[in-house]
Amino acid sequence: DPEMISEVLDVMVELAAEGTTMVVVTHEMGFARSAARRIVFLD
C-alpha cells in the first residue's frame, strides 16, 4: 500500500548509503534519482 512504500525505501536508501552492492528493479523514480549510482534502461 502507498503508505508502506516509504518505510521499505528508507531501509534501501540506508543500505545504499552504507555501500551495499545492489541491483534494483523498481518503478519508484525518487529512489532511482537519489540512491542509484547508475541507471540501466532496458527495452
PDB file of all heavy atoms in Angstrom:
ATOM      1  N   ASP A   1       0.845  -1.182   0.000  1.00  0.00           N
ATOM      2  CA  ASP A   1       0.000   0.000   0.000  1.00  0.00           C
ATOM      3  C   ASP A   1       0.889   1.243   0.000  1.00  0.00           C
ATOM      4  O   ASP A   1       2.009   1.208   0.516  1.00  0.00           O
ATOM      5  CB  ASP A   1      -0.897   0.013   1.244  1.00  0.00           C
ATOM      6  CG  ASP A   1      -1.933  -1.099   1.227  1.00  0.00           C
ATOM      7  OD1 ASP A   1      -2.294  -1.530   0.114  1.00  0.00           O
ATOM      8  OD2 ASP A   1      -2.342  -1.546   2.304  1.00  0.00           O
ATOM      9  N   PRO A   2       0.403   2.344  -0.564  1.00  0.00           N
ATOM     10  CA  PRO A   2       1.250   3.535  -0.701  1.00  0.00           C
ATOM     11  C   PRO A   2       1.917   3.988   0.592  1.00  0.00           C
ATOM     12  O   PRO A   2       3.077   4.389   0.587  1.00  0.00           O
ATOM     13  CB  PRO A   2       0.258   4.590  -1.221  1.00  0.00           C
ATOM     14  CG  PRO A   2      -0.752   3.803  -1.979  1.00  0.00           C
ATOM     15  CD  PRO A   2      -0.914   2.524  -1.213  1.00  0.00           C
ATOM     16  N   GLU A   3       1.206   3.914   1.719  1.00  0.00           N
ATOM     17  CA  GLU A   3       1.799   4.411   2.959  1.00  0.00           C
ATOM     18  C   GLU A   3       2.912   3.504   3.482  1.00  0.00           C
ATOM     19  O   GLU A   3       3.686   3.904   4.357  1.00  0.00           O
ATOM     20  CB  GLU A   3       0.727   4.599   4.047  1.00  0.00           C
ATOM     21  CG  GLU A   3       0.070   3.323   4.518  1.00  0.00           C
ATOM     22  CD  GLU A   3      -1.182   2.974   3.729  1.00  0.00           C
ATOM     23  OE1 GLU A   3      -1.337   3.472   2.590  1.00  0.00           O
ATOM     24  OE2 GLU A   3      -2.003   2.214   4.252  1.00  0.00           O
ATOM     25  N   MET A   4       2.996   2.283   2.966  1.00  0.00           N
ATOM     26  CA  MET A   4       4.039   1.356   3.413  1.00  0.00           C
ATOM     27  C   MET A   4       5.289   1.410   2.540  1.00  0.00           C
ATOM     28  O   MET A   4       6.328   0.880   2.910  1.00  0.00           O
ATOM     29  CB  MET A   4       3.497  -0.078   3.421  1.00  0.00           C
ATOM     30  CG  MET A   4       2.360  -0.320   4.388  1.00  0.00           C
ATOM     31  SD  MET A   4       1.753  -2.009   4.272  1.00  0.00           S
ATOM     32  CE  MET A   4       0.341  -1.927   5.385  1.00  0.00           C
ATOM     33  N   ILE A   5       5.183   2.034   1.384  1.00  0.00           N
ATOM     34  CA  ILE A   5       6.303   2.043   0.443  1.00  0.00           C
ATOM     35  C   ILE A   5       7.508   2.768   1.034  1.00  0.00           C
ATOM     36  O   ILE A   5       8.641   2.296   0.951  1.00  0.00           O
ATOM     37  CB  ILE A   5       5.871   2.685  -0.894  1.00  0.00           C
ATOM     38  CG1 ILE A   5       4.894   1.756  -1.618  1.00  0.00           C
ATOM     39  CG2 ILE A   5       7.089   2.980  -1.774  1.00  0.00           C
ATOM     40  CD1 ILE A   5       4.295   2.346  -2.883  1.00  0.00           C
ATOM     41  N   SER A   6       7.267   3.904   1.669  1.00  0.00           N
ATOM     42  CA  SER A   6       8.385   4.715   2.149  1.00  0.00           C
ATOM     43  C   SER A   6       9.189   4.002   3.221  1.00  0.00           C
ATOM     44  O   SER A   6      10.418   4.162   3.290  1.00  0.00           O
ATOM     45  CB  SER A   6       7.892   6.058   2.677  1.00  0.00           C
ATOM     46  OG  SER A   6       7.044   5.873   3.794  1.00  0.00           O
ATOM     47  N   GLU A   7       8.541   3.184   4.066  1.00  0.00           N
ATOM     48  CA  GLU A   7       9.286   2.510   5.133  1.00  0.00           C
ATOM     49  C   GLU A   7      10.265   1.488   4.566  1.00  0.00           C
ATOM     50  O   GLU A   7      11.329   1.256   5.146  1.00  0.00           O
ATOM     51  CB  GLU A   7       8.338   1.866   6.146  1.00  0.00           C
ATOM     52  CG  GLU A   7       7.469   0.744   5.614  1.00  0.00           C
ATOM     53  CD  GLU A   7       6.414   0.303   6.624  1.00  0.00           C
ATOM     54  OE1 GLU A   7       5.590   1.137   7.046  1.00  0.00           O
ATOM     55  OE2 GLU A   7       6.423  -0.892   6.984  1.00  0.00           O
ATOM     56  N   VAL A   8       9.925   0.889   3.434  1.00  0.00           N
ATOM     57  CA  VAL A   8      10.842  -0.049   2.776  1.00  0.00           C
ATOM     58  C   VAL A   8      11.928   0.717   2.025  1.00  0.00           C
ATOM     59  O   VAL A   8      13.113   0.374   2.101  1.00  0.00           O
ATOM     60  CB  VAL A   8      10.069  -0.988   1.827  1.00  0.00           C
ATOM     61  CG1 VAL A   8      11.033  -1.852   1.015  1.00  0.00           C
ATOM     62  CG2 VAL A   8       9.109  -1.869   2.619  1.00  0.00           C
ATOM     63  N   LEU A   9      11.533   1.768   1.306  1.00  0.00           N
ATOM     64  CA  LEU A   9      12.523   2.557   0.568  1.00  0.00           C
ATOM     65  C   LEU A   9      13.530   3.208   1.508  1.00  0.00           C
ATOM     66  O   LEU A   9      14.714   3.326   1.165  1.00  0.00           O
ATOM     67  CB  LEU A   9      11.825   3.628  -0.281  1.00  0.00           C
ATOM     68  CG  LEU A   9      11.013   3.112  -1.473  1.00  0.00           C
ATOM     69  CD1 LEU A   9      10.361   4.282  -2.196  1.00  0.00           C
ATOM     70  CD2 LEU A   9      11.872   2.303  -2.442  1.00  0.00           C
ATOM     71  N   ASP A  10      13.095   3.607   2.692  1.00  0.00           N
ATOM     72  CA  ASP A  10      14.021   4.206   3.654  1.00  0.00           C
ATOM     73  C   ASP A  10      15.132   3.230   4.022  1.00  0.00           C
ATOM     74  O   ASP A  10      16.306   3.615   4.140  1.00  0.00           O
ATOM     75  CB  ASP A  10      13.272   4.649   4.912  1.00  0.00           C
ATOM     76  CG  ASP A  10      12.434   5.896   4.705  1.00  0.00           C
ATOM     77  OD1 ASP A  10      12.622   6.570   3.669  1.00  0.00           O
ATOM     78  OD2 ASP A  10      11.577   6.195   5.561  1.00  0.00           O
ATOM     79  N   VAL A  11      14.770   1.955   4.226  1.00  0.00           N
ATOM     80  CA  VAL A  11      15.773   0.928   4.538  1.00  0.00           C
ATOM     81  C   VAL A  11      16.721   0.750   3.360  1.00  0.00           C
ATOM     82  O   VAL A  11      17.947   0.659   3.536  1.00  0.00           O
ATOM     83  CB  VAL A  11      15.094  -0.414   4.882  1.00  0.00           C
ATOM     84  CG1 VAL A  11      16.134  -1.535   5.021  1.00  0.00           C
ATOM     85  CG2 VAL A  11      14.289  -0.290   6.174  1.00  0.00           C
ATOM     86  N   MET A  12      16.179   0.741   2.142  1.00  0.00           N
ATOM     87  CA  MET A  12      17.007   0.547   0.960  1.00  0.00           C
ATOM     88  C   MET A  12      17.954   1.721   0.737  1.00  0.00           C
ATOM     89  O   MET A  12      19.114   1.532   0.362  1.00  0.00           O
ATOM     90  CB  MET A  12      16.116   0.322  -0.260  1.00  0.00           C
ATOM     91  CG  MET A  12      15.334  -0.983  -0.197  1.00  0.00           C
ATOM     92  SD  MET A  12      14.117  -1.133  -1.523  1.00  0.00           S
ATOM     93  CE  MET A  12      15.175  -1.119  -2.977  1.00  0.00           C
ATOM     94  N   VAL A  13      17.481   2.934   0.987  1.00  0.00           N
ATOM     95  CA  VAL A  13      18.337   4.123   0.855  1.00  0.00           C
ATOM     96  C   VAL A  13      19.476   4.044   1.860  1.00  0.00           C
ATOM     97  O   VAL A  13      20.632   4.369   1.549  1.00  0.00           O
ATOM     98  CB  VAL A  13      17.508   5.411   1.051  1.00  0.00           C
ATOM     99  CG1 VAL A  13      18.416   6.623   1.229  1.00  0.00           C
ATOM    100  CG2 VAL A  13      16.578   5.625  -0.143  1.00  0.00           C
ATOM    101  N   GLU A  14      19.176   3.588   3.071  1.00  0.00           N
ATOM    102  CA  GLU A  14      20.209   3.448   4.100  1.00  0.00           C
ATOM    103  C   GLU A  14      21.250   2.410   3.684  1.00  0.00           C
ATOM    104  O   GLU A  14      22.449   2.625   3.848  1.00  0.00           O
ATOM    105  CB  GLU A  14      19.566   3.057   5.432  1.00  0.00           C
ATOM    106  CG  GLU A  14      20.547   2.987   6.587  1.00  0.00           C
ATOM    107  CD  GLU A  14      19.866   2.675   7.903  1.00  0.00           C
ATOM    108  OE1 GLU A  14      18.746   3.159   8.120  1.00  0.00           O
ATOM    109  OE2 GLU A  14      20.450   1.930   8.704  1.00  0.00           O
ATOM    110  N   LEU A  15      20.787   1.297   3.142  1.00  0.00           N
ATOM    111  CA  LEU A  15      21.722   0.264   2.667  1.00  0.00           C
ATOM    112  C   LEU A  15      22.630   0.823   1.575  1.00  0.00           C
ATOM    113  O   LEU A  15      23.841   0.567   1.554  1.00  0.00           O
ATOM    114  CB  LEU A  15      20.953  -0.948   2.140  1.00  0.00           C
ATOM    115  CG  LEU A  15      20.216  -1.813   3.160  1.00  0.00           C
ATOM    116  CD1 LEU A  15      19.426  -2.902   2.445  1.00  0.00           C
ATOM    117  CD2 LEU A  15      21.185  -2.431   4.152  1.00  0.00           C
ATOM    118  N   ALA A  16      22.042   1.572   0.654  1.00  0.00           N
ATOM    119  CA  ALA A  16      22.821   2.161  -0.429  1.00  0.00           C
ATOM    120  C   ALA A  16      23.882   3.114   0.129  1.00  0.00           C
ATOM    121  O   ALA A  16      25.042   3.104  -0.305  1.00  0.00           O
ATOM    122  CB  ALA A  16      21.901   2.895  -1.405  1.00  0.00           C
ATOM    123  N   ALA A  17      23.487   3.925   1.115  1.00  0.00           N
ATOM    124  CA  ALA A  17      24.420   4.878   1.703  1.00  0.00           C
ATOM    125  C   ALA A  17      25.562   4.197   2.440  1.00  0.00           C
ATOM    126  O   ALA A  17      26.661   4.742   2.548  1.00  0.00           O
ATOM    127  CB  ALA A  17      23.672   5.806   2.664  1.00  0.00           C
ATOM    128  N   GLU A  18      25.310   2.974   2.915  1.00  0.00           N
ATOM    129  CA  GLU A  18      26.328   2.217   3.644  1.00  0.00           C
ATOM    130  C   GLU A  18      27.276   1.464   2.713  1.00  0.00           C
ATOM    131  O   GLU A  18      28.188   0.794   3.178  1.00  0.00           O
ATOM    132  CB  GLU A  18      25.660   1.243   4.603  1.00  0.00           C
ATOM    133  CG  GLU A  18      24.923   1.926   5.751  1.00  0.00           C
ATOM    134  CD  GLU A  18      24.082   0.958   6.560  1.00  0.00           C
ATOM    135  OE1 GLU A  18      24.003  -0.239   6.187  1.00  0.00           O
ATOM    136  OE2 GLU A  18      23.496   1.391   7.568  1.00  0.00           O
ATOM    137  N   GLY A  19      27.032   1.534   1.407  1.00  0.00           N
ATOM    138  CA  GLY A  19      27.933   0.902   0.458  1.00  0.00           C
ATOM    139  C   GLY A  19      27.560  -0.514   0.068  1.00  0.00           C
ATOM    140  O   GLY A  19      28.388  -1.256  -0.467  1.00  0.00           O
ATOM    141  N   THR A  20      26.298  -0.895   0.310  1.00  0.00           N
ATOM    142  CA  THR A  20      25.838  -2.219  -0.096  1.00  0.00           C
ATOM    143  C   THR A  20      25.745  -2.291  -1.618  1.00  0.00           C
ATOM    144  O   THR A  20      25.179  -1.398  -2.248  1.00  0.00           O
ATOM    145  CB  THR A  20      24.453  -2.526   0.517  1.00  0.00           C
ATOM    146  OG1 THR A  20      24.519  -2.353   1.937  1.00  0.00           O
ATOM    147  CG2 THR A  20      24.010  -3.949   0.194  1.00  0.00           C
ATOM    148  N   THR A  21      26.282  -3.336  -2.209  1.00  0.00           N
ATOM    149  CA  THR A  21      26.162  -3.543  -3.650  1.00  0.00           C
ATOM    150  C   THR A  21      24.731  -3.982  -3.943  1.00  0.00           C
ATOM    151  O   THR A  21      24.244  -4.967  -3.380  1.00  0.00           O
ATOM    152  CB  THR A  21      27.143  -4.620  -4.138  1.00  0.00           C
ATOM    153  OG1 THR A  21      28.468  -4.296  -3.683  1.00  0.00           O
ATOM    154  CG2 THR A  21      27.138  -4.709  -5.657  1.00  0.00           C
ATOM    155  N   MET A  22      24.040  -3.259  -4.830  1.00  0.00           N
ATOM    156  CA  MET A  22      22.621  -3.507  -5.061  1.00  0.00           C
ATOM    157  C   MET A  22      22.274  -3.415  -6.542  1.00  0.00           C
ATOM    158  O   MET A  22      22.778  -2.555  -7.253  1.00  0.00           O
ATOM    159  CB  MET A  22      21.769  -2.479  -4.285  1.00  0.00           C
ATOM    160  CG  MET A  22      21.969  -2.532  -2.779  1.00  0.00           C
ATOM    161  SD  MET A  22      21.354  -1.053  -1.899  1.00  0.00           S
ATOM    162  CE  MET A  22      19.605  -1.107  -2.266  1.00  0.00           C
ATOM    163  N   VAL A  23      21.396  -4.323  -6.983  1.00  0.00           N
ATOM    164  CA  VAL A  23      20.757  -4.230  -8.289  1.00  0.00           C
ATOM    165  C   VAL A  23      19.256  -4.209  -8.027  1.00  0.00           C
ATOM    166  O   VAL A  23      18.716  -5.138  -7.417  1.00  0.00           O
ATOM    167  CB  VAL A  23      21.124  -5.405  -9.206  1.00  0.00           C
ATOM    168  CG1 VAL A  23      20.436  -5.253 -10.569  1.00  0.00           C
ATOM    169  CG2 VAL A  23      22.634  -5.495  -9.388  1.00  0.00           C
ATOM    170  N   VAL A  24      18.593  -3.153  -8.467  1.00  0.00           N
ATOM    171  CA  VAL A  24      17.213  -2.899  -8.062  1.00  0.00           C
ATOM    172  C   VAL A  24      16.322  -2.700  -9.278  1.00  0.00           C
ATOM    173  O   VAL A  24      16.590  -1.839 -10.121  1.00  0.00           O
ATOM    174  CB  VAL A  24      17.127  -1.649  -7.162  1.00  0.00           C
ATOM    175  CG1 VAL A  24      15.696  -1.434  -6.676  1.00  0.00           C
ATOM    176  CG2 VAL A  24      18.086  -1.760  -5.976  1.00  0.00           C
ATOM    177  N   VAL A  25      15.247  -3.484  -9.339  1.00  0.00           N
ATOM    178  CA  VAL A  25      14.173  -3.242 -10.301  1.00  0.00           C
ATOM    179  C   VAL A  25      13.082  -2.491  -9.554  1.00  0.00           C
ATOM    180  O   VAL A  25      12.576  -2.971  -8.530  1.00  0.00           O
ATOM    181  CB  VAL A  25      13.598  -4.562 -10.857  1.00  0.00           C
ATOM    182  CG1 VAL A  25      12.415  -4.269 -11.789  1.00  0.00           C
ATOM    183  CG2 VAL A  25      14.663  -5.343 -11.596  1.00  0.00           C
ATOM    184  N   THR A  26      12.727  -1.312 -10.024  1.00  0.00           N
ATOM    185  CA  THR A  26      11.731  -0.515  -9.315  1.00  0.00           C
ATOM    186  C   THR A  26      11.061   0.470 -10.256  1.00  0.00           C
ATOM    187  O   THR A  26      11.620   0.836 -11.300  1.00  0.00           O
ATOM    188  CB  THR A  26      12.383   0.250  -8.138  1.00  0.00           C
ATOM    189  OG1 THR A  26      11.356   0.926  -7.393  1.00  0.00           O
ATOM    190  CG2 THR A  26      13.401   1.276  -8.622  1.00  0.00           C
ATOM    191  N   HIS A  27       9.855   0.872  -9.863  1.00  0.00           N
ATOM    192  CA  HIS A  27       9.164   1.966 -10.554  1.00  0.00           C
ATOM    193  C   HIS A  27       9.185   3.233  -9.713  1.00  0.00           C
ATOM    194  O   HIS A  27       8.533   4.225 -10.061  1.00  0.00           O
ATOM    195  CB  HIS A  27       7.719   1.576 -10.867  1.00  0.00           C
ATOM    196  CG  HIS A  27       7.600   0.487 -11.883  1.00  0.00           C
ATOM    197  ND1 HIS A  27       7.983   0.649 -13.196  1.00  0.00           N
ATOM    198  CD2 HIS A  27       7.179  -0.789 -11.774  1.00  0.00           C
ATOM    199  CE1 HIS A  27       7.777  -0.479 -13.862  1.00  0.00           C
ATOM    200  NE2 HIS A  27       7.297  -1.370 -13.014  1.00  0.00           N
ATOM    201  N   GLU A  28       9.920   3.199  -8.594  1.00  0.00           N
ATOM    202  CA  GLU A  28       9.998   4.351  -7.706  1.00  0.00           C
ATOM    203  C   GLU A  28      11.095   5.297  -8.203  1.00  0.00           C
ATOM    204  O   GLU A  28      12.278   5.101  -7.950  1.00  0.00           O
ATOM    205  CB  GLU A  28      10.277   3.896  -6.267  1.00  0.00           C
ATOM    206  CG  GLU A  28       9.210   2.986  -5.688  1.00  0.00           C
ATOM    207  CD  GLU A  28       7.866   3.679  -5.549  1.00  0.00           C
ATOM    208  OE1 GLU A  28       7.852   4.919  -5.394  1.00  0.00           O
ATOM    209  OE2 GLU A  28       6.834   2.985  -5.594  1.00  0.00           O
ATOM    210  N   MET A  29      10.683   6.313  -8.917  1.00  0.00           N
ATOM    211  CA  MET A  29      11.651   7.199  -9.549  1.00  0.00           C
ATOM    212  C   MET A  29      12.434   8.029  -8.530  1.00  0.00           C
ATOM    213  O   MET A  29      13.585   8.383  -8.761  1.00  0.00           O
ATOM    214  CB  MET A  29      10.949   8.132 -10.544  1.00  0.00           C
ATOM    215  CG  MET A  29      10.331   7.414 -11.738  1.00  0.00           C
ATOM    216  SD  MET A  29      11.526   6.509 -12.758  1.00  0.00           S
ATOM    217  CE  MET A  29      11.077   4.822 -12.313  1.00  0.00           C
ATOM    218  N   GLY A  30      11.801   8.343  -7.398  1.00  0.00           N
ATOM    219  CA  GLY A  30      12.516   9.083  -6.363  1.00  0.00           C
ATOM    220  C   GLY A  30      13.708   8.301  -5.845  1.00  0.00           C
ATOM    221  O   GLY A  30      14.805   8.855  -5.659  1.00  0.00           O
ATOM    222  N   PHE A  31      13.515   6.999  -5.624  1.00  0.00           N
ATOM    223  CA  PHE A  31      14.628   6.153  -5.180  1.00  0.00           C
ATOM    224  C   PHE A  31      15.695   6.091  -6.262  1.00  0.00           C
ATOM    225  O   PHE A  31      16.893   6.185  -5.982  1.00  0.00           O
ATOM    226  CB  PHE A  31      14.128   4.739  -4.862  1.00  0.00           C
ATOM    227  CG  PHE A  31      15.232   3.775  -4.535  1.00  0.00           C
ATOM    228  CD1 PHE A  31      15.736   3.697  -3.242  1.00  0.00           C
ATOM    229  CD2 PHE A  31      15.777   2.957  -5.515  1.00  0.00           C
ATOM    230  CE1 PHE A  31      16.771   2.821  -2.933  1.00  0.00           C
ATOM    231  CE2 PHE A  31      16.809   2.083  -5.218  1.00  0.00           C
ATOM    232  CZ  PHE A  31      17.304   2.015  -3.922  1.00  0.00           C
ATOM    233  N   ALA A  32      15.274   5.925  -7.511  1.00  0.00           N
ATOM    234  CA  ALA A  32      16.234   5.838  -8.607  1.00  0.00           C
ATOM    235  C   ALA A  32      17.074   7.109  -8.704  1.00  0.00           C
ATOM    236  O   ALA A  32      18.290   7.054  -8.916  1.00  0.00           O
ATOM    237  CB  ALA A  32      15.498   5.587  -9.928  1.00  0.00           C
ATOM    238  N   ARG A  33      16.456   8.255  -8.528  1.00  0.00           N
ATOM    239  CA  ARG A  33      17.179   9.528  -8.605  1.00  0.00           C
ATOM    240  C   ARG A  33      18.168   9.695  -7.460  1.00  0.00           C
ATOM    241  O   ARG A  33      19.292  10.158  -7.653  1.00  0.00           O
ATOM    242  CB  ARG A  33      16.193  10.697  -8.554  1.00  0.00           C
ATOM    243  CG  ARG A  33      15.395  10.954  -9.814  1.00  0.00           C
ATOM    244  CD  ARG A  33      14.452  12.113  -9.551  1.00  0.00           C
ATOM    245  NE  ARG A  33      13.557  12.404 -10.651  1.00  0.00           N
ATOM    246  CZ  ARG A  33      13.832  13.244 -11.649  1.00  0.00           C
ATOM    247  NH1 ARG A  33      15.007  13.836 -11.692  1.00  0.00           N
ATOM    248  NH2 ARG A  33      12.945  13.469 -12.603  1.00  0.00           N
ATOM    249  N   SER A  34      17.754   9.312  -6.244  1.00  0.00           N
ATOM    250  CA  SER A  34      18.541   9.651  -5.063  1.00  0.00           C
ATOM    251  C   SER A  34      19.562   8.583  -4.675  1.00  0.00           C
ATOM    252  O   SER A  34      20.618   8.914  -4.136  1.00  0.00           O
ATOM    253  CB  SER A  34      17.608   9.906  -3.877  1.00  0.00           C
ATOM    254  OG  SER A  34      16.898   8.729  -3.527  1.00  0.00           O
ATOM    255  N   ALA A  35      19.261   7.310  -4.927  1.00  0.00           N
ATOM    256  CA  ALA A  35      20.115   6.242  -4.399  1.00  0.00           C
ATOM    257  C   ALA A  35      20.979   5.562  -5.455  1.00  0.00           C
ATOM    258  O   ALA A  35      22.015   4.983  -5.116  1.00  0.00           O
ATOM    259  CB  ALA A  35      19.259   5.188  -3.691  1.00  0.00           C
ATOM    260  N   ALA A  36      20.572   5.609  -6.716  1.00  0.00           N
ATOM    261  CA  ALA A  36      21.325   4.890  -7.746  1.00  0.00           C
ATOM    262  C   ALA A  36      22.625   5.605  -8.082  1.00  0.00           C
ATOM    263  O   ALA A  36      22.702   6.833  -8.067  1.00  0.00           O
ATOM    264  CB  ALA A  36      20.487   4.746  -9.015  1.00  0.00           C
ATOM    265  N   ARG A  37      23.643   4.821  -8.365  1.00  0.00           N
ATOM    266  CA  ARG A  37      24.845   5.382  -8.971  1.00  0.00           C
ATOM    267  C   ARG A  37      24.711   5.324 -10.491  1.00  0.00           C
ATOM    268  O   ARG A  37      25.287   6.148 -11.204  1.00  0.00           O
ATOM    269  CB  ARG A  37      26.083   4.604  -8.525  1.00  0.00           C
ATOM    270  CG  ARG A  37      27.387   5.216  -9.048  1.00  0.00           C
ATOM    271  CD  ARG A  37      28.614   4.422  -8.665  1.00  0.00           C
ATOM    272  NE  ARG A  37      28.778   4.280  -7.224  1.00  0.00           N
ATOM    273  CZ  ARG A  37      29.752   3.579  -6.660  1.00  0.00           C
ATOM    274  NH1 ARG A  37      30.644   2.940  -7.405  1.00  0.00           N
ATOM    275  NH2 ARG A  37      29.842   3.492  -5.351  1.00  0.00           N
ATOM    276  N   ARG A  38      23.945   4.325 -10.960  1.00  0.00           N
ATOM    277  CA  ARG A  38      23.803   4.170 -12.416  1.00  0.00           C
ATOM    278  C   ARG A  38      22.395   3.678 -12.729  1.00  0.00           C
ATOM    279  O   ARG A  38      21.850   2.828 -12.030  1.00  0.00           O
ATOM    280  CB  ARG A  38      24.844   3.166 -12.925  1.00  0.00           C
ATOM    281  CG  ARG A  38      24.818   2.902 -14.422  1.00  0.00           C
ATOM    282  CD  ARG A  38      26.162   2.349 -14.901  1.00  0.00           C
ATOM    283  NE  ARG A  38      26.694   1.309 -14.060  1.00  0.00           N
ATOM    284  CZ  ARG A  38      26.829   0.021 -14.429  1.00  0.00           C
ATOM    285  NH1 ARG A  38      26.477  -0.348 -15.642  1.00  0.00           N
ATOM    286  NH2 ARG A  38      27.339  -0.858 -13.597  1.00  0.00           N
ATOM    287  N   ILE A  39      21.813   4.232 -13.781  1.00  0.00           N
ATOM    288  CA  ILE A  39      20.531   3.785 -14.305  1.00  0.00           C
ATOM    289  C   ILE A  39      20.797   2.954 -15.548  1.00  0.00           C
ATOM    290  O   ILE A  39      21.545   3.382 -16.445  1.00  0.00           O
ATOM    291  CB  ILE A  39      19.616   4.971 -14.685  1.00  0.00           C
ATOM    292  CG1 ILE A  39      19.369   5.891 -13.484  1.00  0.00           C
ATOM    293  CG2 ILE A  39      18.303   4.468 -15.274  1.00  0.00           C
ATOM    294  CD1 ILE A  39      18.549   5.295 -12.379  1.00  0.00           C
ATOM    295  N   VAL A  40      20.191   1.770 -15.608  1.00  0.00           N
ATOM    296  CA  VAL A  40      20.273   0.933 -16.793  1.00  0.00           C
ATOM    297  C   VAL A  40      18.850   0.771 -17.334  1.00  0.00           C
ATOM    298  O   VAL A  40      17.960   0.275 -16.631  1.00  0.00           O
ATOM    299  CB  VAL A  40      20.886  -0.451 -16.468  1.00  0.00           C
ATOM    300  CG1 VAL A  40      20.795  -1.382 -17.680  1.00  0.00           C
ATOM    301  CG2 VAL A  40      22.340  -0.287 -16.032  1.00  0.00           C
ATOM    302  N   PHE A  41      18.629   1.230 -18.557  1.00  0.00           N
ATOM    303  CA  PHE A  41      17.293   1.211 -19.156  1.00  0.00           C
ATOM    304  C   PHE A  41      17.203   0.071 -20.168  1.00  0.00           C
ATOM    305  O   PHE A  41      18.031  -0.031 -21.085  1.00  0.00           O
ATOM    306  CB  PHE A  41      17.000   2.548 -19.841  1.00  0.00           C
ATOM    307  CG  PHE A  41      15.636   2.624 -20.467  1.00  0.00           C
ATOM    308  CD1 PHE A  41      14.513   2.848 -19.679  1.00  0.00           C
ATOM    309  CD2 PHE A  41      15.472   2.454 -21.833  1.00  0.00           C
ATOM    310  CE1 PHE A  41      13.249   2.904 -20.248  1.00  0.00           C
ATOM    311  CE2 PHE A  41      14.212   2.518 -22.409  1.00  0.00           C
ATOM    312  CZ  PHE A  41      13.098   2.742 -21.616  1.00  0.00           C
ATOM    313  N   LEU A  42      16.204  -0.795 -19.979  1.00  0.00           N
ATOM    314  CA  LEU A  42      16.000  -1.931 -20.868  1.00  0.00           C
ATOM    315  C   LEU A  42      14.744  -1.754 -21.695  1.00  0.00           C
ATOM    316  O   LEU A  42      13.754  -1.144 -21.256  1.00  0.00           O
ATOM    317  CB  LEU A  42      15.875  -3.239 -20.078  1.00  0.00           C
ATOM    318  CG  LEU A  42      17.134  -3.798 -19.420  1.00  0.00           C
ATOM    319  CD1 LEU A  42      17.262  -3.284 -17.998  1.00  0.00           C
ATOM    320  CD2 LEU A  42      17.130  -5.316 -19.433  1.00  0.00           C
ATOM    321  N   ASP A  43      14.767  -2.311 -22.880  1.00  0.00           N
ATOM    322  CA  ASP A  43      13.584  -2.373 -23.729  1.00  0.00           C
ATOM    323  C   ASP A  43      13.693  -3.611 -24.606  1.00  0.00           C
ATOM    324  O   ASP A  43      14.743  -3.864 -25.212  1.00  0.00           O
ATOM    325  CB  ASP A  43      13.463  -1.116 -24.594  1.00  0.00           C
ATOM    326  CG  ASP A  43      12.147  -1.075 -25.357  1.00  0.00           C
ATOM    327  OD1 ASP A  43      11.107  -1.413 -24.748  1.00  0.00           O
ATOM    328  OD2 ASP A  43      12.145  -0.720 -26.545  1.00  0.00           O
TER     329      ASP A  43
END
